[in-house]
């Protein structure tokens, strides 16, 4: 592959990265260049952003400009790779730029608590269940925020719900929280019935 073909291949890869981020909800303006792509990827799964590298300025020396342009492309590629990796999708240094769009398409976007209600528990019997979430960047950390939960039942940081319920009843407003590894949090009211 000659230099022109390599350049076209790289530009096609950047366009696929932009398309993949747009499929995940990223919005670009006409002025957004390749330097904004890593932050567009980061916005898919968190609210973090990093420095964007400005496009190299053309000067009188075409060779120096070409070297600066290649260096810039390398930095942008690394920033996008790190953004993909930080999202929880494996994107090692050996992954070619042409595969980055596919990697972006694997990113889970928003953190969502899936659990609406827990399986019923029986008074005086050992109980074990698990809270479920998707999206964001695992691992998740869970907590009981508010609302009455059955005495003897614990909501653990790893998402397990364990213990021995000491009283019967329907607990409909147990407010739980889930935080992913980037610090994004969600809350939801769930229910648990003890028979």
N, C-alpha and C. Protein backbone atom coordinates (compact mmCIF):
# COMPACT_ATOMS: atom_id res chain seq x y z
N UNK A 1 0.85 -1.18 0.00
CA UNK A 1 0.00 0.00 0.00
C UNK A 1 0.90 1.24 0.00
N UNK A 2 0.69 2.14 -0.97
CA UNK A 2 1.51 3.36 -1.03
C UNK A 2 0.98 4.40 -0.05
N UNK A 3 1.68 5.52 0.06
CA UNK A 3 1.35 6.55 1.04
C UNK A 3 -0.05 7.11 0.81
N UNK A 4 -0.41 7.33 -0.45
CA UNK A 4 -1.73 7.87 -0.76
C UNK A 4 -2.82 6.90 -0.33
N UNK A 5 -2.63 5.61 -0.60
CA UNK A 5 -3.61 4.60 -0.21
C UNK A 5 -3.72 4.51 1.32
N UNK A 6 -2.57 4.59 2.00
CA UNK A 6 -2.58 4.56 3.48
C UNK A 6 -3.36 5.76 4.02
N UNK A 7 -3.14 6.93 3.41
CA UNK A 7 -3.84 8.14 3.85
C UNK A 7 -5.35 7.99 3.64
N UNK A 8 -5.76 7.50 2.50
CA UNK A 8 -7.19 7.30 2.22
C UNK A 8 -7.79 6.29 3.20
N UNK A 9 -7.04 5.23 3.47
CA UNK A 9 -7.50 4.20 4.41
C UNK A 9 -7.69 4.81 5.81
N UNK A 10 -6.73 5.66 6.22
CA UNK A 10 -6.82 6.30 7.53
C UNK A 10 -8.01 7.25 7.58
N UNK A 11 -8.22 8.03 6.53
CA UNK A 11 -9.35 8.96 6.50
C UNK A 11 -10.69 8.20 6.52
N UNK A 12 -10.74 7.07 5.82
CA UNK A 12 -11.96 6.24 5.85
C UNK A 12 -12.20 5.70 7.25
N UNK A 13 -11.13 5.35 7.96
CA UNK A 13 -11.25 4.86 9.33
C UNK A 13 -11.78 5.95 10.25
N UNK A 14 -11.27 7.17 10.09
CA UNK A 14 -11.76 8.29 10.91
C UNK A 14 -13.24 8.56 10.62
N UNK A 15 -13.64 8.45 9.36
CA UNK A 15 -15.05 8.66 9.02
C UNK A 15 -15.94 7.58 9.63
N UNK A 16 -15.42 6.34 9.69
CA UNK A 16 -16.17 5.26 10.33
C UNK A 16 -16.28 5.50 11.84
N UNK A 17 -15.22 6.04 12.44
CA UNK A 17 -15.25 6.39 13.86
C UNK A 17 -16.34 7.44 14.11
N UNK A 18 -16.37 8.46 13.27
CA UNK A 18 -17.39 9.50 13.40
C UNK A 18 -18.79 8.91 13.25
N UNK A 19 -18.97 8.05 12.24
CA UNK A 19 -20.27 7.43 12.01
C UNK A 19 -20.69 6.57 13.20
N UNK A 20 -19.75 5.80 13.75
CA UNK A 20 -20.06 4.93 14.90
C UNK A 20 -20.46 5.76 16.11
N UNK A 21 -19.73 6.86 16.36
CA UNK A 21 -20.07 7.72 17.49
C UNK A 21 -21.44 8.36 17.27
N UNK A 22 -21.72 8.76 16.03
CA UNK A 22 -23.03 9.36 15.72
C UNK A 22 -24.16 8.34 15.92
N UNK A 23 -23.91 7.08 15.57
CA UNK A 23 -24.91 6.02 15.79
C UNK A 23 -25.22 5.86 17.28
N UNK A 24 -24.24 6.17 18.13
CA UNK A 24 -24.41 6.06 19.58
C UNK A 24 -24.96 7.35 20.19
N UNK A 25 -25.27 8.34 19.35
CA UNK A 25 -25.88 9.56 19.85
C UNK A 25 -24.98 10.78 19.89
N UNK A 26 -23.72 10.65 19.50
CA UNK A 26 -22.83 11.81 19.48
C UNK A 26 -23.29 12.78 18.39
N UNK A 27 -23.23 14.05 18.71
CA UNK A 27 -23.65 15.09 17.75
C UNK A 27 -22.41 15.89 17.38
N UNK A 28 -22.22 16.08 16.09
CA UNK A 28 -21.07 16.82 15.59
C UNK A 28 -21.55 18.05 14.84
N UNK A 29 -20.76 19.11 14.93
CA UNK A 29 -21.03 20.28 14.09
C UNK A 29 -20.08 20.23 12.90
N UNK A 30 -20.32 21.10 11.94
CA UNK A 30 -19.45 21.12 10.76
C UNK A 30 -18.02 21.49 11.11
N UNK A 31 -17.84 22.17 12.24
CA UNK A 31 -16.49 22.60 12.63
C UNK A 31 -15.74 21.56 13.45
N UNK A 32 -16.42 20.47 13.83
CA UNK A 32 -15.76 19.43 14.63
C UNK A 32 -14.85 18.59 13.75
N UNK A 33 -13.58 18.59 14.08
CA UNK A 33 -12.63 17.78 13.34
C UNK A 33 -12.27 16.52 14.11
N UNK A 34 -11.27 15.82 13.63
CA UNK A 34 -10.85 14.56 14.22
C UNK A 34 -10.46 14.71 15.69
N UNK A 35 -9.98 15.89 16.06
CA UNK A 35 -9.58 16.15 17.43
C UNK A 35 -10.72 16.04 18.43
N UNK A 36 -11.95 16.13 17.96
CA UNK A 36 -13.11 16.05 18.85
C UNK A 36 -13.64 14.62 19.01
N UNK A 37 -13.12 13.69 18.23
CA UNK A 37 -13.69 12.35 18.20
C UNK A 37 -13.54 11.60 19.53
N UNK A 38 -12.39 11.72 20.16
CA UNK A 38 -12.20 11.02 21.44
C UNK A 38 -13.21 11.51 22.47
N UNK A 39 -13.45 12.81 22.53
CA UNK A 39 -14.43 13.33 23.48
C UNK A 39 -15.85 12.92 23.09
N UNK A 40 -16.12 12.80 21.80
CA UNK A 40 -17.43 12.30 21.38
C UNK A 40 -17.63 10.88 21.87
N UNK A 41 -16.58 10.07 21.81
CA UNK A 41 -16.66 8.70 22.33
C UNK A 41 -16.88 8.72 23.83
N UNK A 42 -16.15 9.58 24.54
CA UNK A 42 -16.30 9.66 26.01
C UNK A 42 -17.72 10.06 26.41
N UNK A 43 -18.34 10.93 25.63
CA UNK A 43 -19.69 11.38 25.98
C UNK A 43 -20.73 10.27 25.82
N UNK A 44 -20.38 9.19 25.12
CA UNK A 44 -21.30 8.06 24.98
C UNK A 44 -21.56 7.42 26.34
N UNK A 45 -20.50 7.33 27.16
CA UNK A 45 -20.62 6.58 28.42
C UNK A 45 -20.35 7.40 29.66
N UNK A 46 -19.88 8.61 29.54
CA UNK A 46 -19.64 9.45 30.72
C UNK A 46 -19.64 10.92 30.32
N UNK A 47 -19.49 11.78 31.31
CA UNK A 47 -19.47 13.21 31.03
C UNK A 47 -18.06 13.78 31.04
N UNK A 48 -17.06 12.91 30.97
CA UNK A 48 -15.69 13.38 31.02
C UNK A 48 -15.21 13.79 29.64
N UNK A 49 -14.23 14.64 29.63
CA UNK A 49 -13.61 15.05 28.37
C UNK A 49 -12.14 15.35 28.63
N UNK A 50 -11.36 15.31 27.60
CA UNK A 50 -9.93 15.59 27.72
C UNK A 50 -9.56 16.69 26.72
N UNK A 51 -8.33 17.10 26.80
CA UNK A 51 -7.83 18.13 25.88
C UNK A 51 -7.98 17.66 24.44
N UNK A 52 -8.42 18.55 23.58
CA UNK A 52 -8.48 18.23 22.16
C UNK A 52 -7.27 18.83 21.47
N UNK A 53 -6.68 18.07 20.58
CA UNK A 53 -5.49 18.53 19.88
C UNK A 53 -5.89 19.34 18.65
N UNK A 54 -5.43 20.60 18.56
CA UNK A 54 -5.77 21.39 17.38
C UNK A 54 -5.04 20.86 16.14
N UNK A 55 -5.67 21.07 15.01
CA UNK A 55 -5.09 20.64 13.73
C UNK A 55 -3.78 21.37 13.51
N UNK A 56 -2.74 20.68 13.03
CA UNK A 56 -1.44 21.35 12.81
C UNK A 56 -1.56 22.49 11.80
N UNK A 57 -0.84 23.56 12.07
CA UNK A 57 -0.84 24.71 11.17
C UNK A 57 0.11 24.48 10.01
N UNK A 58 -0.33 24.86 8.83
CA UNK A 58 0.54 24.76 7.66
C UNK A 58 1.58 25.86 7.74
N UNK A 59 2.79 25.51 7.37
CA UNK A 59 3.84 26.53 7.29
C UNK A 59 4.57 26.34 5.95
N UNK A 60 5.63 27.04 5.76
CA UNK A 60 6.34 27.00 4.48
C UNK A 60 7.01 25.68 4.17
N UNK A 61 7.34 24.89 5.18
CA UNK A 61 8.07 23.63 4.96
C UNK A 61 7.07 22.47 4.90
N UNK A 62 6.86 21.93 3.71
CA UNK A 62 5.86 20.87 3.52
C UNK A 62 6.26 19.59 4.25
N UNK A 63 7.56 19.32 4.35
CA UNK A 63 8.03 18.12 5.04
C UNK A 63 7.73 18.22 6.52
N UNK A 64 8.01 19.37 7.10
CA UNK A 64 7.73 19.56 8.53
C UNK A 64 6.22 19.47 8.79
N UNK A 65 5.44 20.04 7.90
CA UNK A 65 3.98 19.97 8.04
C UNK A 65 3.50 18.51 7.98
N UNK A 66 4.03 17.74 7.05
CA UNK A 66 3.65 16.33 6.91
C UNK A 66 4.00 15.55 8.16
N UNK A 67 5.19 15.80 8.72
CA UNK A 67 5.60 15.13 9.96
C UNK A 67 4.67 15.52 11.11
N UNK A 68 4.37 16.82 11.21
CA UNK A 68 3.46 17.29 12.26
C UNK A 68 2.06 16.69 12.10
N UNK A 69 1.61 16.55 10.86
CA UNK A 69 0.30 15.97 10.59
C UNK A 69 0.25 14.50 11.00
N UNK A 70 1.29 13.75 10.69
CA UNK A 70 1.35 12.35 11.08
C UNK A 70 1.42 12.21 12.60
N UNK A 71 2.18 13.07 13.25
CA UNK A 71 2.26 13.05 14.72
C UNK A 71 0.89 13.36 15.32
N UNK A 72 0.21 14.34 14.76
CA UNK A 72 -1.13 14.71 15.22
C UNK A 72 -2.09 13.55 15.07
N UNK A 73 -2.07 12.90 13.91
CA UNK A 73 -2.96 11.74 13.69
C UNK A 73 -2.67 10.64 14.70
N UNK A 74 -1.40 10.42 15.01
CA UNK A 74 -1.04 9.40 16.01
C UNK A 74 -1.58 9.74 17.38
N UNK A 75 -1.51 11.02 17.75
CA UNK A 75 -2.04 11.43 19.06
C UNK A 75 -3.56 11.30 19.12
N UNK A 76 -4.22 11.68 18.03
CA UNK A 76 -5.68 11.54 17.98
C UNK A 76 -6.07 10.08 18.07
N UNK A 77 -5.37 9.23 17.31
CA UNK A 77 -5.66 7.79 17.36
C UNK A 77 -5.52 7.27 18.78
N UNK A 78 -4.46 7.65 19.48
CA UNK A 78 -4.24 7.18 20.85
C UNK A 78 -5.33 7.69 21.80
N UNK A 79 -5.75 8.93 21.62
CA UNK A 79 -6.83 9.47 22.47
C UNK A 79 -8.14 8.71 22.24
N UNK A 80 -8.44 8.40 20.99
CA UNK A 80 -9.65 7.64 20.69
C UNK A 80 -9.54 6.24 21.28
N UNK A 81 -8.37 5.60 21.13
CA UNK A 81 -8.15 4.26 21.68
C UNK A 81 -8.35 4.26 23.19
N UNK A 82 -7.79 5.25 23.88
CA UNK A 82 -7.95 5.34 25.33
C UNK A 82 -9.41 5.57 25.72
N UNK A 83 -10.12 6.39 24.96
CA UNK A 83 -11.54 6.63 25.24
C UNK A 83 -12.34 5.33 25.09
N UNK A 84 -12.03 4.54 24.06
CA UNK A 84 -12.71 3.26 23.87
C UNK A 84 -12.39 2.32 25.02
N UNK A 85 -11.12 2.23 25.39
CA UNK A 85 -10.70 1.36 26.49
C UNK A 85 -11.34 1.77 27.80
N UNK A 86 -11.40 3.09 28.06
CA UNK A 86 -12.02 3.58 29.29
C UNK A 86 -13.51 3.26 29.36
N UNK A 87 -14.12 3.03 28.20
CA UNK A 87 -15.55 2.69 28.17
C UNK A 87 -15.82 1.26 28.58
N UNK A 88 -14.75 0.47 28.74
CA UNK A 88 -14.90 -0.94 29.10
C UNK A 88 -14.79 -1.89 27.92
N UNK A 89 -14.55 -1.36 26.73
CA UNK A 89 -14.37 -2.20 25.54
C UNK A 89 -12.88 -2.36 25.30
N UNK A 90 -12.42 -3.60 25.12
CA UNK A 90 -11.01 -3.87 24.92
C UNK A 90 -10.54 -3.30 23.59
N UNK A 91 -9.53 -2.43 23.65
CA UNK A 91 -8.95 -1.84 22.44
C UNK A 91 -7.47 -1.63 22.68
N UNK A 92 -6.71 -2.72 22.55
CA UNK A 92 -5.27 -2.67 22.81
C UNK A 92 -4.53 -1.87 21.76
N UNK A 93 -3.26 -1.62 22.04
CA UNK A 93 -2.45 -0.80 21.14
C UNK A 93 -2.28 -1.43 19.76
N UNK A 94 -2.43 -2.76 19.67
CA UNK A 94 -2.25 -3.44 18.39
C UNK A 94 -3.50 -3.40 17.52
N UNK A 95 -4.62 -2.94 18.06
CA UNK A 95 -5.86 -2.88 17.28
C UNK A 95 -5.72 -1.80 16.21
N UNK A 96 -5.92 -2.15 14.93
CA UNK A 96 -5.78 -1.14 13.88
C UNK A 96 -6.91 -0.11 13.92
N UNK A 97 -6.60 1.08 13.46
CA UNK A 97 -7.56 2.18 13.44
C UNK A 97 -8.84 1.79 12.69
N UNK A 98 -8.72 0.96 11.68
CA UNK A 98 -9.89 0.55 10.90
C UNK A 98 -10.91 -0.21 11.74
N UNK A 99 -10.51 -0.76 12.89
CA UNK A 99 -11.43 -1.50 13.75
C UNK A 99 -12.05 -0.65 14.86
N UNK A 100 -11.63 0.60 14.97
CA UNK A 100 -12.12 1.45 16.06
C UNK A 100 -13.63 1.71 15.97
N UNK A 101 -14.14 1.89 14.75
CA UNK A 101 -15.58 2.11 14.59
C UNK A 101 -16.37 0.95 15.17
N UNK A 102 -15.94 -0.27 14.87
CA UNK A 102 -16.59 -1.46 15.42
C UNK A 102 -16.50 -1.52 16.93
N UNK A 103 -15.36 -1.11 17.47
CA UNK A 103 -15.18 -1.08 18.93
C UNK A 103 -16.14 -0.07 19.56
N UNK A 104 -16.30 1.08 18.93
CA UNK A 104 -17.22 2.11 19.44
C UNK A 104 -18.65 1.58 19.43
N UNK A 105 -19.00 0.82 18.42
CA UNK A 105 -20.35 0.27 18.34
C UNK A 105 -20.63 -0.73 19.48
N UNK A 106 -19.58 -1.23 20.12
CA UNK A 106 -19.74 -2.17 21.24
C UNK A 106 -19.96 -1.46 22.58
N UNK A 107 -19.73 -0.14 22.62
CA UNK A 107 -19.84 0.59 23.89
C UNK A 107 -21.29 0.63 24.35
N UNK A 108 -21.48 0.29 25.61
CA UNK A 108 -22.81 0.44 26.21
C UNK A 108 -22.96 1.90 26.60
N UNK A 109 -24.04 2.50 26.19
CA UNK A 109 -24.21 3.93 26.41
C UNK A 109 -24.61 4.24 27.84
N UNK A 110 -25.83 4.57 28.05
CA UNK A 110 -26.28 5.07 29.33
C UNK A 110 -26.42 3.96 30.37
N UNK A 111 -26.10 4.28 31.60
CA UNK A 111 -26.28 3.35 32.72
C UNK A 111 -27.77 3.23 33.02
N UNK A 112 -28.27 1.99 33.08
CA UNK A 112 -29.69 1.74 33.33
C UNK A 112 -29.80 0.64 34.38
N UNK A 113 -30.61 0.88 35.40
CA UNK A 113 -30.94 -0.16 36.38
C UNK A 113 -32.07 -0.98 35.80
N UNK A 114 -31.85 -2.26 35.61
CA UNK A 114 -32.84 -3.14 34.99
C UNK A 114 -33.85 -3.66 36.01
N UNK A 115 -33.39 -3.95 37.21
CA UNK A 115 -34.26 -4.55 38.23
C UNK A 115 -35.43 -3.64 38.57
N UNK A 116 -36.65 -4.18 38.49
CA UNK A 116 -37.86 -3.47 38.92
C UNK A 116 -38.32 -4.00 40.28
N UNK A 117 -38.28 -5.31 40.42
CA UNK A 117 -38.65 -5.94 41.69
C UNK A 117 -37.77 -7.16 41.89
N UNK A 118 -37.56 -7.50 43.14
CA UNK A 118 -36.75 -8.66 43.49
C UNK A 118 -37.65 -9.88 43.68
N UNK A 119 -37.12 -11.08 43.49
CA UNK A 119 -37.91 -12.27 43.78
C UNK A 119 -38.37 -12.25 45.24
N UNK A 120 -39.54 -12.82 45.50
CA UNK A 120 -40.07 -12.77 46.86
C UNK A 120 -39.14 -13.48 47.84
N UNK A 121 -39.20 -13.04 49.08
CA UNK A 121 -38.44 -13.65 50.16
C UNK A 121 -39.41 -14.31 51.14
N UNK A 122 -38.91 -15.23 51.94
CA UNK A 122 -39.72 -15.86 52.98
C UNK A 122 -39.16 -15.47 54.34
N UNK A 123 -40.06 -15.08 55.22
CA UNK A 123 -39.66 -14.70 56.57
C UNK A 123 -38.91 -15.85 57.22
N UNK A 124 -37.77 -15.51 57.82
CA UNK A 124 -36.98 -16.48 58.56
C UNK A 124 -36.14 -17.42 57.72
N UNK A 125 -36.12 -17.22 56.40
CA UNK A 125 -35.35 -18.09 55.50
C UNK A 125 -34.24 -17.26 54.83
N UNK A 126 -33.06 -17.84 54.74
CA UNK A 126 -31.92 -17.16 54.10
C UNK A 126 -32.32 -16.71 52.69
N UNK A 127 -32.03 -15.45 52.36
CA UNK A 127 -32.43 -14.85 51.08
C UNK A 127 -31.19 -14.41 50.31
N UNK A 128 -31.24 -14.58 48.99
CA UNK A 128 -30.16 -14.10 48.13
C UNK A 128 -30.73 -13.77 46.75
N UNK A 129 -30.45 -12.58 46.29
CA UNK A 129 -30.86 -12.13 44.95
C UNK A 129 -29.80 -11.15 44.45
N UNK A 130 -29.92 -10.73 43.21
CA UNK A 130 -28.93 -9.81 42.65
C UNK A 130 -29.64 -8.69 41.90
N UNK A 131 -29.16 -7.46 42.11
CA UNK A 131 -29.62 -6.30 41.36
C UNK A 131 -28.91 -6.30 40.01
N UNK A 132 -29.61 -5.87 38.97
CA UNK A 132 -29.04 -5.89 37.63
C UNK A 132 -29.05 -4.50 37.00
N UNK A 133 -27.96 -4.19 36.27
CA UNK A 133 -27.86 -2.94 35.52
C UNK A 133 -27.15 -3.26 34.21
N UNK A 134 -27.23 -2.30 33.29
CA UNK A 134 -26.48 -2.42 32.04
C UNK A 134 -26.02 -1.04 31.62
N UNK A 135 -25.07 -1.02 30.70
CA UNK A 135 -24.54 0.25 30.21
C UNK A 135 -23.50 0.81 31.14
N UNK A 136 -23.13 2.06 30.90
CA UNK A 136 -22.08 2.66 31.68
C UNK A 136 -20.81 1.84 31.54
N UNK A 137 -19.96 1.90 32.55
CA UNK A 137 -18.71 1.15 32.55
C UNK A 137 -18.63 0.34 33.84
N UNK A 138 -18.87 -0.99 33.76
CA UNK A 138 -18.74 -1.82 34.96
C UNK A 138 -17.31 -1.75 35.49
N UNK A 139 -17.07 -2.13 36.73
CA UNK A 139 -18.02 -2.69 37.68
C UNK A 139 -18.92 -1.62 38.29
N UNK A 140 -20.07 -2.07 38.81
CA UNK A 140 -21.04 -1.18 39.43
C UNK A 140 -20.93 -1.27 40.95
N UNK A 141 -21.26 -0.17 41.60
CA UNK A 141 -21.36 -0.14 43.06
C UNK A 141 -22.79 0.24 43.42
N UNK A 142 -23.38 -0.54 44.32
CA UNK A 142 -24.78 -0.38 44.68
C UNK A 142 -24.93 0.10 46.11
N UNK A 143 -26.07 0.76 46.39
CA UNK A 143 -26.38 1.13 47.77
C UNK A 143 -27.88 1.36 47.94
N UNK A 144 -28.32 1.22 49.17
CA UNK A 144 -29.69 1.55 49.56
C UNK A 144 -29.69 3.03 49.89
N UNK A 145 -30.53 3.80 49.22
CA UNK A 145 -30.55 5.25 49.42
C UNK A 145 -31.62 5.65 50.43
N UNK A 146 -32.83 5.17 50.22
CA UNK A 146 -33.93 5.54 51.12
C UNK A 146 -35.07 4.54 50.93
N UNK A 147 -36.11 4.75 51.71
CA UNK A 147 -37.27 3.85 51.64
C UNK A 147 -37.07 2.67 52.58
N UNK A 148 -38.18 2.19 53.09
CA UNK A 148 -38.12 1.07 54.04
C UNK A 148 -37.88 -0.22 53.29
N UNK A 149 -36.87 -0.95 53.74
CA UNK A 149 -36.62 -2.29 53.21
C UNK A 149 -36.88 -3.28 54.34
N UNK A 150 -37.08 -4.55 54.02
CA UNK A 150 -37.37 -5.53 55.07
C UNK A 150 -36.23 -5.61 56.10
N UNK A 151 -36.60 -5.62 57.37
CA UNK A 151 -35.60 -5.79 58.43
C UNK A 151 -34.89 -7.12 58.21
N UNK A 152 -33.57 -7.09 58.34
CA UNK A 152 -32.76 -8.29 58.16
C UNK A 152 -32.24 -8.48 56.75
N UNK A 153 -32.70 -7.67 55.80
CA UNK A 153 -32.25 -7.77 54.40
C UNK A 153 -31.26 -6.64 54.13
N UNK A 154 -30.13 -6.99 53.51
CA UNK A 154 -29.07 -6.02 53.21
C UNK A 154 -28.88 -5.87 51.70
N UNK A 155 -28.67 -4.63 51.28
CA UNK A 155 -28.30 -4.36 49.89
C UNK A 155 -26.81 -4.08 49.90
N UNK A 156 -26.05 -4.97 49.29
CA UNK A 156 -24.59 -4.92 49.35
C UNK A 156 -24.01 -4.17 48.16
N UNK A 157 -22.79 -3.66 48.34
CA UNK A 157 -22.14 -2.85 47.31
C UNK A 157 -21.95 -3.60 46.00
N UNK A 158 -21.84 -4.92 46.04
CA UNK A 158 -21.64 -5.69 44.82
C UNK A 158 -22.94 -6.01 44.09
N UNK A 159 -24.07 -5.53 44.61
CA UNK A 159 -25.36 -5.75 43.96
C UNK A 159 -26.12 -6.95 44.46
N UNK A 160 -25.54 -7.68 45.42
CA UNK A 160 -26.27 -8.79 46.00
C UNK A 160 -27.20 -8.27 47.08
N UNK A 161 -28.34 -8.92 47.22
CA UNK A 161 -29.31 -8.60 48.26
C UNK A 161 -29.43 -9.87 49.09
N UNK A 162 -29.01 -9.78 50.35
CA UNK A 162 -28.90 -10.98 51.18
C UNK A 162 -29.45 -10.75 52.58
N UNK A 163 -29.63 -11.83 53.30
CA UNK A 163 -30.04 -11.75 54.70
C UNK A 163 -31.21 -12.66 54.99
N UNK A 164 -31.78 -12.46 56.18
CA UNK A 164 -32.96 -13.21 56.61
C UNK A 164 -34.01 -12.19 57.04
N UNK A 165 -35.11 -12.12 56.29
CA UNK A 165 -36.18 -11.16 56.60
C UNK A 165 -36.86 -11.57 57.90
N UNK A 166 -37.08 -10.59 58.76
CA UNK A 166 -37.69 -10.87 60.07
C UNK A 166 -39.16 -10.50 60.14
N UNK A 167 -39.71 -9.90 59.06
CA UNK A 167 -41.13 -9.54 59.07
C UNK A 167 -41.70 -9.66 57.66
N UNK A 168 -43.00 -9.92 57.58
CA UNK A 168 -43.65 -10.05 56.28
C UNK A 168 -44.17 -8.70 55.82
N UNK A 169 -44.43 -8.59 54.51
CA UNK A 169 -44.99 -7.36 53.97
C UNK A 169 -44.53 -7.12 52.56
N UNK A 170 -45.16 -6.14 51.92
CA UNK A 170 -44.77 -5.72 50.58
C UNK A 170 -44.07 -4.36 50.70
N UNK A 171 -42.83 -4.33 50.31
CA UNK A 171 -42.00 -3.12 50.39
C UNK A 171 -41.87 -2.59 48.96
N UNK A 172 -42.62 -1.51 48.65
CA UNK A 172 -42.75 -1.04 47.27
C UNK A 172 -41.87 0.15 46.92
N UNK A 173 -41.23 0.78 47.87
CA UNK A 173 -40.50 2.01 47.57
C UNK A 173 -39.08 1.96 48.12
N UNK A 174 -38.37 0.89 47.79
CA UNK A 174 -36.96 0.77 48.20
C UNK A 174 -36.14 1.50 47.15
N UNK A 175 -35.57 2.64 47.51
CA UNK A 175 -34.82 3.46 46.57
C UNK A 175 -33.36 3.00 46.58
N UNK A 176 -32.89 2.49 45.44
CA UNK A 176 -31.51 2.01 45.34
C UNK A 176 -30.73 2.90 44.39
N UNK A 177 -29.41 2.88 44.55
CA UNK A 177 -28.53 3.64 43.66
C UNK A 177 -27.47 2.73 43.09
N UNK A 178 -27.10 3.02 41.86
CA UNK A 178 -26.05 2.27 41.17
C UNK A 178 -25.08 3.28 40.58
N UNK A 179 -23.78 3.08 40.82
CA UNK A 179 -22.74 3.95 40.29
C UNK A 179 -21.76 3.10 39.49
N UNK A 180 -21.43 3.55 38.27
CA UNK A 180 -20.46 2.79 37.49
C UNK A 180 -19.05 3.28 37.79
N UNK A 181 -18.05 2.69 37.13
CA UNK A 181 -16.66 3.00 37.46
C UNK A 181 -16.22 4.39 37.01
N UNK A 182 -17.04 5.08 36.20
CA UNK A 182 -16.71 6.46 35.81
C UNK A 182 -17.35 7.48 36.74
N UNK A 183 -18.19 7.00 37.68
CA UNK A 183 -18.87 7.90 38.60
C UNK A 183 -20.28 8.25 38.19
N UNK A 184 -20.74 7.76 37.04
CA UNK A 184 -22.12 8.01 36.62
C UNK A 184 -23.06 7.21 37.52
N UNK A 185 -24.12 7.85 38.00
CA UNK A 185 -25.04 7.20 38.94
C UNK A 185 -26.47 7.26 38.44
N UNK A 186 -27.23 6.25 38.83
CA UNK A 186 -28.67 6.20 38.58
C UNK A 186 -29.36 5.74 39.86
N UNK A 187 -30.63 6.13 40.02
CA UNK A 187 -31.46 5.71 41.15
C UNK A 187 -32.75 5.11 40.61
N UNK A 188 -33.32 4.21 41.42
CA UNK A 188 -34.59 3.61 41.01
C UNK A 188 -35.27 3.04 42.24
N UNK A 189 -36.60 3.11 42.24
CA UNK A 189 -37.39 2.48 43.30
C UNK A 189 -37.75 1.06 42.85
N UNK A 190 -37.47 0.11 43.72
CA UNK A 190 -37.79 -1.29 43.44
C UNK A 190 -38.67 -1.83 44.56
N UNK A 191 -39.19 -3.03 44.36
CA UNK A 191 -40.04 -3.63 45.39
C UNK A 191 -39.53 -5.01 45.78
N UNK A 192 -39.90 -5.44 46.98
CA UNK A 192 -39.58 -6.77 47.48
C UNK A 192 -40.72 -7.19 48.40
N UNK A 193 -41.27 -8.37 48.15
CA UNK A 193 -42.33 -8.89 49.00
C UNK A 193 -41.77 -10.02 49.85
N UNK A 194 -42.10 -9.94 51.15
CA UNK A 194 -41.71 -11.00 52.07
C UNK A 194 -42.98 -11.74 52.49
N UNK A 195 -42.99 -13.04 52.28
CA UNK A 195 -44.17 -13.89 52.61
C UNK A 195 -43.99 -14.56 53.95
